[in-house]
Amino acid sequence: SPSHLSNIETGTTKVSLSTIVKLANALHVSVDSLLADSVV
């Protein structure tokens, strides 16, 4: 839902790994680029 995506973008809700993968694919970016700030 657009409201759930908005909550993901603001960091007010947790996002599942499967959703991160779907988002990365839809955005043509790598998963590691989305997770970079959480990975050493």
Full PDB file with SEQRES, HELIX, SHEET, SSBOND, CRYST1, ORIGX, SCALE, CONECT and MASTER records, all heavy atoms in Angstrom:
SEQRES   1 A   40  SER PRO SER HIS LEU SER ASN ILE GLU THR GLY THR THR          
SEQRES   2 A   40  LYS VAL SER LEU SER THR ILE VAL LYS LEU ALA ASN ALA          
SEQRES   3 A   40  LEU HIS VAL SER VAL ASP SER LEU LEU ALA ASP SER VAL          
SEQRES   4 A   40  VAL                                                          
HELIX    1 AA1 PRO A    2  THR A   10  1                                   9    
HELIX    2 AA2 LEU A   17  LEU A   27  1                                  11    
HELIX    3 AA3 VAL A   31  LEU A   35  1                                   5    
HELIX    4 AA4 ALA A   36  SER A   38  5                                   3    
CRYST1    1.000    1.000    1.000  90.00  90.00  90.00 P 1           1          
ORIGX1      1.000000  0.000000  0.000000        0.00000                         
ORIGX2      0.000000  1.000000  0.000000        0.00000                         
ORIGX3      0.000000  0.000000  1.000000        0.00000                         
SCALE1      1.000000  0.000000  0.000000        0.00000                         
SCALE2      0.000000  1.000000  0.000000        0.00000                         
SCALE3      0.000000  0.000000  1.000000        0.00000                         
ATOM      1  N   SER A   1       0.860  -1.184   0.000  1.00  0.00           N  
ATOM      2  CA  SER A   1       0.000   0.000   0.000  1.00  0.00           C  
ATOM      3  C   SER A   1       0.897   1.236   0.000  1.00  0.00           C  
ATOM      4  O   SER A   1       2.001   1.207   0.556  1.00  0.00           O  
ATOM      5  CB  SER A   1      -0.912   0.012   1.229  1.00  0.00           C  
ATOM      6  OG  SER A   1      -0.153   0.259   2.397  1.00  0.00           O  
ATOM      7  N   PRO A   2       0.460   2.317  -0.602  1.00  0.00           N  
ATOM      8  CA  PRO A   2       1.262   3.544  -0.595  1.00  0.00           C  
ATOM      9  C   PRO A   2       1.579   4.033   0.821  1.00  0.00           C  
ATOM     10  O   PRO A   2       2.680   4.526   1.077  1.00  0.00           O  
ATOM     11  CB  PRO A   2       0.391   4.553  -1.348  1.00  0.00           C  
ATOM     12  CG  PRO A   2      -0.451   3.714  -2.255  1.00  0.00           C  
ATOM     13  CD  PRO A   2      -0.718   2.456  -1.458  1.00  0.00           C  
ATOM     14  N   SER A   3       0.645   3.854   1.740  1.00  0.00           N  
ATOM     15  CA  SER A   3       0.897   4.302   3.122  1.00  0.00           C  
ATOM     16  C   SER A   3       1.977   3.452   3.786  1.00  0.00           C  
ATOM     17  O   SER A   3       2.810   3.969   4.545  1.00  0.00           O  
ATOM     18  CB  SER A   3      -0.385   4.291   3.954  1.00  0.00           C  
ATOM     19  OG  SER A   3      -0.911   2.990   4.042  1.00  0.00           O  
ATOM     20  N   HIS A   4       2.001   2.150   3.487  1.00  0.00           N  
ATOM     21  CA  HIS A   4       3.043   1.285   4.054  1.00  0.00           C  
ATOM     22  C   HIS A   4       4.405   1.663   3.478  1.00  0.00           C  
ATOM     23  O   HIS A   4       5.399   1.736   4.213  1.00  0.00           O  
ATOM     24  CB  HIS A   4       2.728  -0.185   3.791  1.00  0.00           C  
ATOM     25  CG  HIS A   4       3.685  -1.132   4.459  1.00  0.00           C  
ATOM     26  ND1 HIS A   4       3.902  -1.132   5.818  1.00  0.00           N  
ATOM     27  CD2 HIS A   4       4.495  -2.092   3.946  1.00  0.00           C  
ATOM     28  CE1 HIS A   4       4.806  -2.062   6.122  1.00  0.00           C  
ATOM     29  NE2 HIS A   4       5.185  -2.653   4.992  1.00  0.00           N  
ATOM     30  N   LEU A   5       4.463   1.931   2.175  1.00  0.00           N  
ATOM     31  CA  LEU A   5       5.714   2.362   1.560  1.00  0.00           C  
ATOM     32  C   LEU A   5       6.178   3.687   2.166  1.00  0.00           C  
ATOM     33  O   LEU A   5       7.363   3.869   2.441  1.00  0.00           O  
ATOM     34  CB  LEU A   5       5.584   2.494   0.041  1.00  0.00           C  
ATOM     35  CG  LEU A   5       6.842   2.974  -0.672  1.00  0.00           C  
ATOM     36  CD1 LEU A   5       8.018   2.030  -0.427  1.00  0.00           C  
ATOM     37  CD2 LEU A   5       6.582   3.135  -2.161  1.00  0.00           C  
ATOM     38  N   SER A   6       5.259   4.584   2.411  1.00  0.00           N  
ATOM     39  CA  SER A   6       5.606   5.860   3.047  1.00  0.00           C  
ATOM     40  C   SER A   6       6.216   5.622   4.424  1.00  0.00           C  
ATOM     41  O   SER A   6       7.222   6.244   4.785  1.00  0.00           O  
ATOM     42  CB  SER A   6       4.362   6.745   3.169  1.00  0.00           C  
ATOM     43  OG  SER A   6       4.671   7.928   3.865  1.00  0.00           O  
ATOM     44  N   ASN A   7       5.633   4.700   5.179  1.00  0.00           N  
ATOM     45  CA  ASN A   7       6.166   4.366   6.505  1.00  0.00           C  
ATOM     46  C   ASN A   7       7.555   3.728   6.402  1.00  0.00           C  
ATOM     47  O   ASN A   7       8.414   3.970   7.251  1.00  0.00           O  
ATOM     48  CB  ASN A   7       5.214   3.440   7.257  1.00  0.00           C  
ATOM     49  CG  ASN A   7       3.964   4.149   7.715  1.00  0.00           C  
ATOM     50  OD1 ASN A   7       3.969   5.359   7.928  1.00  0.00           O  
ATOM     51  ND2 ASN A   7       2.885   3.404   7.851  1.00  0.00           N  
ATOM     52  N   ILE A   8       7.775   2.936   5.368  1.00  0.00           N  
ATOM     53  CA  ILE A   8       9.099   2.342   5.149  1.00  0.00           C  
ATOM     54  C   ILE A   8      10.101   3.448   4.852  1.00  0.00           C  
ATOM     55  O   ILE A   8      11.193   3.484   5.415  1.00  0.00           O  
ATOM     56  CB  ILE A   8       9.067   1.296   4.012  1.00  0.00           C  
ATOM     57  CG1 ILE A   8       8.282   0.051   4.449  1.00  0.00           C  
ATOM     58  CG2 ILE A   8      10.479   0.916   3.575  1.00  0.00           C  
ATOM     59  CD1 ILE A   8       7.993  -0.931   3.326  1.00  0.00           C  
ATOM     60  N   GLU A   9       9.730   4.380   3.968  1.00  0.00           N  
ATOM     61  CA  GLU A   9      10.644   5.447   3.575  1.00  0.00           C  
ATOM     62  C   GLU A   9      10.981   6.386   4.737  1.00  0.00           C  
ATOM     63  O   GLU A   9      12.062   6.969   4.758  1.00  0.00           O  
ATOM     64  CB  GLU A   9      10.074   6.248   2.401  1.00  0.00           C  
ATOM     65  CG  GLU A   9      10.141   5.505   1.093  1.00  0.00           C  
ATOM     66  CD  GLU A   9       9.743   6.349  -0.098  1.00  0.00           C  
ATOM     67  OE1 GLU A   9       9.325   7.522   0.084  1.00  0.00           O  
ATOM     68  OE2 GLU A   9       9.858   5.852  -1.235  1.00  0.00           O  
ATOM     69  N   THR A  10      10.087   6.526   5.680  1.00  0.00           N  
ATOM     70  CA  THR A  10      10.364   7.387   6.836  1.00  0.00           C  
ATOM     71  C   THR A  10      10.995   6.608   7.989  1.00  0.00           C  
ATOM     72  O   THR A  10      11.378   7.199   8.992  1.00  0.00           O  
ATOM     73  CB  THR A  10       9.086   8.086   7.331  1.00  0.00           C  
ATOM     74  OG1 THR A  10       8.115   7.097   7.676  1.00  0.00           O  
ATOM     75  CG2 THR A  10       8.535   9.040   6.280  1.00  0.00           C  
ATOM     76  N   GLY A  11      11.085   5.298   7.851  1.00  0.00           N  
ATOM     77  CA  GLY A  11      11.692   4.476   8.891  1.00  0.00           C  
ATOM     78  C   GLY A  11      10.811   4.271  10.097  1.00  0.00           C  
ATOM     79  O   GLY A  11      11.285   3.863  11.159  1.00  0.00           O  
ATOM     80  N   THR A  12       9.516   4.504   9.944  1.00  0.00           N  
ATOM     81  CA  THR A  12       8.609   4.342  11.076  1.00  0.00           C  
ATOM     82  C   THR A  12       8.055   2.929  11.190  1.00  0.00           C  
ATOM     83  O   THR A  12       7.331   2.630  12.138  1.00  0.00           O  
ATOM     84  CB  THR A  12       7.432   5.340  10.995  1.00  0.00           C  
ATOM     85  OG1 THR A  12       6.762   5.177   9.751  1.00  0.00           O  
ATOM     86  CG2 THR A  12       7.932   6.768  11.137  1.00  0.00           C  
ATOM     87  N   THR A  13       8.394   2.093  10.228  1.00  0.00           N  
ATOM     88  CA  THR A  13       7.992   0.697  10.299  1.00  0.00           C  
ATOM     89  C   THR A  13       9.155  -0.179   9.850  1.00  0.00           C  
ATOM     90  O   THR A  13       9.995   0.257   9.065  1.00  0.00           O  
ATOM     91  CB  THR A  13       6.741   0.424   9.424  1.00  0.00           C  
ATOM     92  OG1 THR A  13       6.263  -0.889   9.681  1.00  0.00           O  
ATOM     93  CG2 THR A  13       7.050   0.537   7.946  1.00  0.00           C  
ATOM     94  N   LYS A  14       9.205  -1.373  10.356  1.00  0.00           N  
ATOM     95  CA  LYS A  14      10.243  -2.317   9.939  1.00  0.00           C  
ATOM     96  C   LYS A  14       9.869  -2.876   8.578  1.00  0.00           C  
ATOM     97  O   LYS A  14       8.701  -2.973   8.235  1.00  0.00           O  
ATOM     98  CB  LYS A  14      10.383  -3.443  10.957  1.00  0.00           C  
ATOM     99  CG  LYS A  14      10.917  -2.968  12.284  1.00  0.00           C  
ATOM    100  CD  LYS A  14      11.090  -4.115  13.255  1.00  0.00           C  
ATOM    101  CE  LYS A  14      11.674  -3.599  14.559  1.00  0.00           C  
ATOM    102  NZ  LYS A  14      11.927  -4.685  15.504  1.00  0.00           N  
ATOM    103  N   VAL A  15      10.889  -3.242   7.836  1.00  0.00           N  
ATOM    104  CA  VAL A  15      10.667  -3.787   6.504  1.00  0.00           C  
ATOM    105  C   VAL A  15      11.291  -5.179   6.452  1.00  0.00           C  
ATOM    106  O   VAL A  15      12.393  -5.394   6.952  1.00  0.00           O  
ATOM    107  CB  VAL A  15      11.230  -2.839   5.419  1.00  0.00           C  
ATOM    108  CG1 VAL A  15      12.694  -2.578   5.605  1.00  0.00           C  
ATOM    109  CG2 VAL A  15      10.947  -3.357   4.028  1.00  0.00           C  
ATOM    110  N   SER A  16      10.558  -6.114   5.876  1.00  0.00           N  
ATOM    111  CA  SER A  16      11.047  -7.498   5.811  1.00  0.00           C  
ATOM    112  C   SER A  16      12.110  -7.646   4.735  1.00  0.00           C  
ATOM    113  O   SER A  16      12.214  -6.835   3.804  1.00  0.00           O  
ATOM    114  CB  SER A  16       9.886  -8.446   5.510  1.00  0.00           C  
ATOM    115  OG  SER A  16       9.441  -8.268   4.176  1.00  0.00           O  
ATOM    116  N   LEU A  17      12.890  -8.705   4.855  1.00  0.00           N  
ATOM    117  CA  LEU A  17      13.922  -8.997   3.866  1.00  0.00           C  
ATOM    118  C   LEU A  17      13.312  -9.192   2.489  1.00  0.00           C  
ATOM    119  O   LEU A  17      13.830  -8.680   1.487  1.00  0.00           O  
ATOM    120  CB  LEU A  17      14.727 -10.226   4.288  1.00  0.00           C  
ATOM    121  CG  LEU A  17      15.858 -10.641   3.344  1.00  0.00           C  
ATOM    122  CD1 LEU A  17      16.859  -9.498   3.150  1.00  0.00           C  
ATOM    123  CD2 LEU A  17      16.554 -11.875   3.884  1.00  0.00           C  
ATOM    124  N   SER A  18      12.199  -9.900   2.407  1.00  0.00           N  
ATOM    125  CA  SER A  18      11.579 -10.134   1.097  1.00  0.00           C  
ATOM    126  C   SER A  18      11.111  -8.820   0.473  1.00  0.00           C  
ATOM    127  O   SER A  18      11.225  -8.633  -0.749  1.00  0.00           O  
ATOM    128  CB  SER A  18      10.419 -11.123   1.201  1.00  0.00           C  
ATOM    129  OG  SER A  18       9.407 -10.612   2.048  1.00  0.00           O  
ATOM    130  N   THR A  19      10.636  -7.886   1.283  1.00  0.00           N  
ATOM    131  CA  THR A  19      10.217  -6.590   0.761  1.00  0.00           C  
ATOM    132  C   THR A  19      11.421  -5.774   0.309  1.00  0.00           C  
ATOM    133  O   THR A  19      11.376  -5.100  -0.722  1.00  0.00           O  
ATOM    134  CB  THR A  19       9.390  -5.816   1.816  1.00  0.00           C  
ATOM    135  OG1 THR A  19       8.223  -6.585   2.143  1.00  0.00           O  
ATOM    136  CG2 THR A  19       8.970  -4.453   1.300  1.00  0.00           C  
ATOM    137  N   ILE A  20      12.521  -5.860   1.052  1.00  0.00           N  
ATOM    138  CA  ILE A  20      13.743  -5.156   0.643  1.00  0.00           C  
ATOM    139  C   ILE A  20      14.211  -5.677  -0.717  1.00  0.00           C  
ATOM    140  O   ILE A  20      14.597  -4.903  -1.592  1.00  0.00           O  
ATOM    141  CB  ILE A  20      14.848  -5.303   1.708  1.00  0.00           C  
ATOM    142  CG1 ILE A  20      14.492  -4.498   2.956  1.00  0.00           C  
ATOM    143  CG2 ILE A  20      16.195  -4.853   1.152  1.00  0.00           C  
ATOM    144  CD1 ILE A  20      15.429  -4.703   4.131  1.00  0.00           C  
ATOM    145  N   VAL A  21      14.150  -6.987  -0.911  1.00  0.00           N  
ATOM    146  CA  VAL A  21      14.555  -7.571  -2.191  1.00  0.00           C  
ATOM    147  C   VAL A  21      13.635  -7.080  -3.310  1.00  0.00           C  
ATOM    148  O   VAL A  21      14.095  -6.682  -4.388  1.00  0.00           O  
ATOM    149  CB  VAL A  21      14.576  -9.115  -2.121  1.00  0.00           C  
ATOM    150  CG1 VAL A  21      14.768  -9.732  -3.489  1.00  0.00           C  
ATOM    151  CG2 VAL A  21      15.656  -9.577  -1.161  1.00  0.00           C  
ATOM    152  N   LYS A  22      12.331  -7.076  -3.064  1.00  0.00           N  
ATOM    153  CA  LYS A  22      11.383  -6.590  -4.075  1.00  0.00           C  
ATOM    154  C   LYS A  22      11.647  -5.123  -4.413  1.00  0.00           C  
ATOM    155  O   LYS A  22      11.632  -4.730  -5.582  1.00  0.00           O  
ATOM    156  CB  LYS A  22       9.943  -6.736  -3.577  1.00  0.00           C  
ATOM    157  CG  LYS A  22       9.433  -8.152  -3.513  1.00  0.00           C  
ATOM    158  CD  LYS A  22       8.015  -8.162  -2.950  1.00  0.00           C  
ATOM    159  CE  LYS A  22       7.526  -9.553  -2.666  1.00  0.00           C  
ATOM    160  NZ  LYS A  22       6.197  -9.554  -2.033  1.00  0.00           N  
ATOM    161  N   LEU A  23      11.881  -4.322  -3.390  1.00  0.00           N  
ATOM    162  CA  LEU A  23      12.148  -2.899  -3.613  1.00  0.00           C  
ATOM    163  C   LEU A  23      13.446  -2.699  -4.389  1.00  0.00           C  
ATOM    164  O   LEU A  23      13.507  -1.883  -5.319  1.00  0.00           O  
ATOM    165  CB  LEU A  23      12.198  -2.151  -2.275  1.00  0.00           C  
ATOM    166  CG  LEU A  23      10.855  -1.968  -1.578  1.00  0.00           C  
ATOM    167  CD1 LEU A  23      11.040  -1.575  -0.121  1.00  0.00           C  
ATOM    168  CD2 LEU A  23      10.015  -0.932  -2.315  1.00  0.00           C  
ATOM    169  N   ALA A  24      14.491  -3.433  -4.010  1.00  0.00           N  
ATOM    170  CA  ALA A  24      15.771  -3.316  -4.715  1.00  0.00           C  
ATOM    171  C   ALA A  24      15.596  -3.662  -6.191  1.00  0.00           C  
ATOM    172  O   ALA A  24      16.115  -2.954  -7.062  1.00  0.00           O  
ATOM    173  CB  ALA A  24      16.823  -4.214  -4.063  1.00  0.00           C  
ATOM    174  N   ASN A  25      14.874  -4.725  -6.477  1.00  0.00           N  
ATOM    175  CA  ASN A  25      14.642  -5.118  -7.868  1.00  0.00           C  
ATOM    176  C   ASN A  25      13.840  -4.064  -8.627  1.00  0.00           C  
ATOM    177  O   ASN A  25      14.163  -3.728  -9.761  1.00  0.00           O  
ATOM    178  CB  ASN A  25      13.944  -6.471  -7.941  1.00  0.00           C  
ATOM    179  CG  ASN A  25      14.864  -7.614  -7.574  1.00  0.00           C  
ATOM    180  OD1 ASN A  25      16.075  -7.534  -7.759  1.00  0.00           O  
ATOM    181  ND2 ASN A  25      14.301  -8.676  -7.027  1.00  0.00           N  
ATOM    182  N   ALA A  26      12.803  -3.549  -7.991  1.00  0.00           N  
ATOM    183  CA  ALA A  26      11.962  -2.540  -8.644  1.00  0.00           C  
ATOM    184  C   ALA A  26      12.720  -1.235  -8.878  1.00  0.00           C  
ATOM    185  O   ALA A  26      12.454  -0.517  -9.845  1.00  0.00           O  
ATOM    186  CB  ALA A  26      10.717  -2.279  -7.801  1.00  0.00           C  
ATOM    187  N   LEU A  27      13.677  -0.937  -8.005  1.00  0.00           N  
ATOM    188  CA  LEU A  27      14.437   0.304  -8.101  1.00  0.00           C  
ATOM    189  C   LEU A  27      15.748   0.139  -8.877  1.00  0.00           C  
ATOM    190  O   LEU A  27      16.502   1.098  -9.037  1.00  0.00           O  
ATOM    191  CB  LEU A  27      14.736   0.829  -6.694  1.00  0.00           C  
ATOM    192  CG  LEU A  27      13.512   1.276  -5.897  1.00  0.00           C  
ATOM    193  CD1 LEU A  27      13.877   1.486  -4.429  1.00  0.00           C  
ATOM    194  CD2 LEU A  27      12.901   2.529  -6.502  1.00  0.00           C  
ATOM    195  N   HIS A  28      16.034  -1.076  -9.305  1.00  0.00           N  
ATOM    196  CA  HIS A  28      17.259  -1.376 -10.062  1.00  0.00           C  
ATOM    197  C   HIS A  28      18.516  -1.019  -9.265  1.00  0.00           C  
ATOM    198  O   HIS A  28      19.458  -0.432  -9.796  1.00  0.00           O  
ATOM    199  CB  HIS A  28      17.263  -0.657 -11.417  1.00  0.00           C  
ATOM    200  CG  HIS A  28      16.015  -0.875 -12.203  1.00  0.00           C  
ATOM    201  ND1 HIS A  28      15.695  -2.091 -12.762  1.00  0.00           N  
ATOM    202  CD2 HIS A  28      14.987  -0.040 -12.491  1.00  0.00           C  
ATOM    203  CE1 HIS A  28      14.536  -1.991 -13.372  1.00  0.00           C  
ATOM    204  NE2 HIS A  28      14.078  -0.767 -13.215  1.00  0.00           N  
ATOM    205  N   VAL A  29      18.486  -1.370  -7.978  1.00  0.00           N  
ATOM    206  CA  VAL A  29      19.654  -1.172  -7.111  1.00  0.00           C  
ATOM    207  C   VAL A  29      19.947  -2.489  -6.408  1.00  0.00           C  
ATOM    208  O   VAL A  29      19.119  -3.396  -6.392  1.00  0.00           O  
ATOM    209  CB  VAL A  29      19.425  -0.050  -6.058  1.00  0.00           C  
ATOM    210  CG1 VAL A  29      19.195   1.292  -6.730  1.00  0.00           C  
ATOM    211  CG2 VAL A  29      18.270  -0.397  -5.127  1.00  0.00           C  
ATOM    212  N   SER A  30      21.114  -2.578  -5.813  1.00  0.00           N  
ATOM    213  CA  SER A  30      21.451  -3.795  -5.076  1.00  0.00           C  
ATOM    214  C   SER A  30      20.898  -3.708  -3.657  1.00  0.00           C  
ATOM    215  O   SER A  30      20.709  -2.618  -3.116  1.00  0.00           O  
ATOM    216  CB  SER A  30      22.971  -3.983  -5.031  1.00  0.00           C  
ATOM    217  OG  SER A  30      23.559  -2.935  -4.300  1.00  0.00           O  
ATOM    218  N   VAL A  31      20.647  -4.853  -3.083  1.00  0.00           N  
ATOM    219  CA  VAL A  31      20.180  -4.904  -1.700  1.00  0.00           C  
ATOM    220  C   VAL A  31      21.220  -4.284  -0.770  1.00  0.00           C  
ATOM    221  O   VAL A  31      20.874  -3.551   0.154  1.00  0.00           O  
ATOM    222  CB  VAL A  31      19.852  -6.357  -1.279  1.00  0.00           C  
ATOM    223  CG1 VAL A  31      19.585  -6.445   0.204  1.00  0.00           C  
ATOM    224  CG2 VAL A  31      18.659  -6.880  -2.065  1.00  0.00           C  
ATOM    225  N   ASP A  32      22.497  -4.545  -1.045  1.00  0.00           N  
ATOM    226  CA  ASP A  32      23.526  -3.988  -0.164  1.00  0.00           C  
ATOM    227  C   ASP A  32      23.539  -2.466  -0.206  1.00  0.00           C  
ATOM    228  O   ASP A  32      23.878  -1.818   0.775  1.00  0.00           O  
ATOM    229  CB  ASP A  32      24.908  -4.578  -0.439  1.00  0.00           C  
ATOM    230  CG  ASP A  32      25.427  -4.325  -1.828  1.00  0.00           C  
ATOM    231  OD1 ASP A  32      24.617  -4.201  -2.756  1.00  0.00           O  
ATOM    232  OD2 ASP A  32      26.660  -4.259  -1.988  1.00  0.00           O  
ATOM    233  N   SER A  33      23.150  -1.868  -1.326  1.00  0.00           N  
ATOM    234  CA  SER A  33      23.099  -0.411  -1.366  1.00  0.00           C  
ATOM    235  C   SER A  33      21.992   0.124  -0.463  1.00  0.00           C  
ATOM    236  O   SER A  33      22.122   1.209   0.104  1.00  0.00           O  
ATOM    237  CB  SER A  33      22.914   0.103  -2.794  1.00  0.00           C  
ATOM    238  OG  SER A  33      21.619  -0.167  -3.266  1.00  0.00           O  
ATOM    239  N   LEU A  34      20.925  -0.631  -0.289  1.00  0.00           N  
ATOM    240  CA  LEU A  34      19.844  -0.209   0.614  1.00  0.00           C  
ATOM    241  C   LEU A  34      20.215  -0.452   2.075  1.00  0.00           C  
ATOM    242  O   LEU A  34      19.790   0.291   2.956  1.00  0.00           O  
ATOM    243  CB  LEU A  34      18.544  -0.948   0.283  1.00  0.00           C  
ATOM    244  CG  LEU A  34      17.952  -0.704  -1.104  1.00  0.00           C  
ATOM    245  CD1 LEU A  34      16.683  -1.522  -1.289  1.00  0.00           C  
ATOM    246  CD2 LEU A  34      17.694   0.769  -1.345  1.00  0.00           C  
ATOM    247  N   LEU A  35      21.005  -1.485   2.334  1.00  0.00           N  
ATOM    248  CA  LEU A  35      21.351  -1.858   3.707  1.00  0.00           C  
ATOM    249  C   LEU A  35      22.690  -1.296   4.176  1.00  0.00           C  
ATOM    250  O   LEU A  35      23.106  -1.557   5.302  1.00  0.00           O  
ATOM    251  CB  LEU A  35      21.395  -3.384   3.833  1.00  0.00           C  
ATOM    252  CG  LEU A  35      20.094  -4.122   3.563  1.00  0.00           C  
ATOM    253  CD1 LEU A  35      20.327  -5.631   3.606  1.00  0.00           C  
ATOM    254  CD2 LEU A  35      19.023  -3.713   4.543  1.00  0.00           C  
ATOM    255  N   ALA A  36      23.359  -0.522   3.352  1.00  0.00           N  
ATOM    256  CA  ALA A  36      24.737  -0.101   3.616  1.00  0.00           C  
ATOM    257  C   ALA A  36      24.954   0.518   4.986  1.00  0.00           C  
ATOM    258  O   ALA A  36      25.986   0.304   5.615  1.00  0.00           O  
ATOM    259  CB  ALA A  36      25.205   0.870   2.542  1.00  0.00           C  
ATOM    260  N   ASP A  37      23.997   1.276   5.483  1.00  0.00           N  
ATOM    261  CA  ASP A  37      24.174   1.935   6.772  1.00  0.00           C  
ATOM    262  C   ASP A  37      24.020   0.986   7.957  1.00  0.00           C  
ATOM    263  O   ASP A  37      24.335   1.349   9.084  1.00  0.00           O  
ATOM    264  CB  ASP A  37      23.186   3.102   6.912  1.00  0.00           C  
ATOM    265  CG  ASP A  37      23.421   4.143   5.839  1.00  0.00           C  
ATOM    266  OD1 ASP A  37      24.535   4.695   5.793  1.00  0.00           O  
ATOM    267  OD2 ASP A  37      22.509   4.393   5.037  1.00  0.00           O  
ATOM    268  N   SER A  38      23.531  -0.216   7.707  1.00  0.00           N  
ATOM    269  CA  SER A  38      23.359  -1.204   8.769  1.00  0.00           C  
ATOM    270  C   SER A  38      24.396  -2.317   8.709  1.00  0.00           C  
ATOM    271  O   SER A  38      24.390  -3.211   9.535  1.00  0.00           O  
ATOM    272  CB  SER A  38      21.957  -1.828   8.679  1.00  0.00           C  
ATOM    273  OG  SER A  38      20.966  -0.846   8.858  1.00  0.00           O  
ATOM    274  N   VAL A  39      25.283  -2.262   7.719  1.00  0.00           N  
ATOM    275  CA  VAL A  39      26.265  -3.314   7.514  1.00  0.00           C  
ATOM    276  C   VAL A  39      27.662  -2.731   7.688  1.00  0.00           C  
ATOM    277  O   VAL A  39      27.974  -1.684   7.138  1.00  0.00           O  
ATOM    278  CB  VAL A  39      26.122  -3.924   6.091  1.00  0.00           C  
ATOM    279  CG1 VAL A  39      27.153  -4.996   5.845  1.00  0.00           C  
ATOM    280  CG2 VAL A  39      24.724  -4.467   5.891  1.00  0.00           C  
ATOM    281  N   VAL A  40      28.495  -3.399   8.467  1.00  0.00           N  
ATOM    282  CA  VAL A  40      29.835  -2.898   8.741  1.00  0.00           C  
ATOM    283  C   VAL A  40      30.687  -2.883   7.477  1.00  0.00           C  
ATOM    284  O   VAL A  40      31.380  -1.920   7.179  1.00  0.00           O  
ATOM    285  CB  VAL A  40      30.512  -3.740   9.850  1.00  0.00           C  
ATOM    286  CG1 VAL A  40      31.939  -3.284  10.060  1.00  0.00           C  
ATOM    287  CG2 VAL A  40      29.720  -3.646  11.145  1.00  0.00           C  
TER     288      VAL A  40                                                      
MASTER        0    0    0    4    0    0    0    6  287    1    0    4          
END                                                                             
